[in-house]
Amino acid sequence: MPQQFTVLEALSATGLRAIRYFKEIPGLSYVVANDLSQDAVHSIKRNVLYNGLATEQVIPHHGDAKYARIQGTAHHGWRTNTSRGSLR
């Protein structure tokens, strides 16, 4: 079984890249799709559902990118892989 990991897409906009990550990368637990724009977060939610996923698989998040990373590290125990920019 592949190692489970998560991804933070810090500047997600529509969420389409986050959706693609979740559908195409084996071993992905979930993706956090973050954006500072509340309108963008609504688009992310709409696109997640339109693409047949749940908001537990691609999680829409409203906030500043630098704080989303800090919050995720503190609250979810993510480890940062700086070479790839992914979180585990």
Protein backbone atom coordinates (compact mmCIF):
# COMPACT_ATOMS: atom_id res chain seq x y z
CA MET A 1 0.00 0.00 0.00
CA PRO A 2 1.41 3.44 -0.91
CA GLN A 3 2.23 5.86 1.87
CA GLN A 4 -0.67 8.19 2.69
CA PHE A 5 0.00 11.91 2.45
CA THR A 6 -1.82 15.21 1.99
CA VAL A 7 -1.32 18.21 -0.26
CA LEU A 8 -1.94 21.89 0.41
CA GLU A 9 -2.68 23.86 -2.73
CA ALA A 10 -2.17 27.27 -1.18
CA LEU A 11 -3.39 29.44 -4.08
CA SER A 12 -6.17 27.26 -5.45
CA ALA A 13 -8.54 29.68 -7.29
CA THR A 14 -11.04 27.26 -8.90
CA GLY A 15 -9.69 24.12 -7.24
CA LEU A 16 -9.29 22.26 -10.53
CA ARG A 17 -5.62 21.44 -9.93
CA ALA A 18 -6.44 20.18 -6.41
CA ILE A 19 -9.18 17.97 -7.89
CA ARG A 20 -6.77 16.60 -10.47
CA TYR A 21 -4.17 15.89 -7.78
CA PHE A 22 -6.72 13.91 -5.76
CA LYS A 23 -7.92 11.91 -8.76
CA GLU A 24 -4.49 11.12 -10.21
CA ILE A 25 -1.97 10.76 -7.35
CA PRO A 26 -1.99 7.37 -5.60
CA GLY A 27 -1.80 7.44 -1.81
CA LEU A 28 -3.30 10.88 -1.39
CA SER A 29 -5.46 11.13 1.75
CA TYR A 30 -6.90 14.53 0.89
CA VAL A 31 -6.07 17.90 -0.64
CA VAL A 32 -6.63 21.24 1.07
CA ALA A 33 -7.61 23.77 -1.62
CA ASN A 34 -6.97 27.20 -0.08
CA ASP A 35 -7.69 30.66 -1.42
CA LEU A 36 -7.92 34.15 0.05
CA SER A 37 -10.99 34.99 -2.07
CA GLN A 38 -14.33 33.83 -0.65
CA ASP A 39 -15.68 33.71 -4.23
CA ALA A 40 -12.86 31.34 -5.16
CA VAL A 41 -13.71 29.08 -2.21
CA HIS A 42 -17.31 28.90 -3.44
CA SER A 43 -15.98 27.92 -6.89
CA ILE A 44 -13.80 25.24 -5.30
CA LYS A 45 -16.80 23.74 -3.48
CA ARG A 46 -18.91 23.78 -6.64
CA ASN A 47 -16.13 22.19 -8.73
CA VAL A 48 -15.41 19.50 -6.14
CA LEU A 49 -19.04 18.38 -6.14
CA TYR A 50 -19.36 18.70 -9.93
CA ASN A 51 -16.37 16.36 -10.32
CA GLY A 52 -17.95 13.69 -8.13
CA LEU A 53 -15.77 14.19 -5.06
CA ALA A 54 -16.63 14.97 -1.46
CA THR A 55 -15.45 18.04 0.41
CA GLU A 56 -13.61 15.64 2.73
CA GLN A 57 -11.43 14.57 -0.21
CA VAL A 58 -10.71 18.04 -1.56
CA ILE A 59 -11.24 20.40 1.35
CA PRO A 60 -12.11 24.00 0.42
CA HIS A 61 -10.37 26.42 2.79
CA HIS A 62 -10.65 30.21 3.01
CA GLY A 63 -7.55 31.97 4.25
CA ASP A 64 -4.15 33.48 3.65
CA ALA A 65 -1.75 30.92 2.15
CA LYS A 66 1.00 31.41 4.73
CA TYR A 67 -1.44 30.95 7.61
CA ALA A 68 -3.10 27.93 6.00
CA ARG A 69 0.27 26.20 5.96
CA ILE A 70 1.04 27.13 9.57
CA GLN A 71 -2.42 26.05 10.77
CA GLY A 72 -2.21 22.75 8.92
CA THR A 73 1.20 21.98 10.36
CA ALA A 74 0.11 22.79 13.92
CA HIS A 75 -3.38 21.24 13.89
CA HIS A 76 -2.94 18.24 11.61
CA GLY A 77 0.67 17.29 12.32
CA TRP A 78 1.74 17.83 8.70
CA ARG A 79 5.41 17.54 7.90
CA THR A 80 6.62 19.81 5.15
CA ASN A 81 8.52 18.27 2.26
CA THR A 82 10.28 21.40 1.04
CA SER A 83 11.78 19.73 -2.02
CA ARG A 84 8.32 19.13 -3.43
CA GLY A 85 6.29 21.63 -1.45
CA SER A 86 3.92 18.90 -0.30
CA LEU A 87 2.70 18.12 3.19
CA ARG A 88 2.67 14.75 4.90
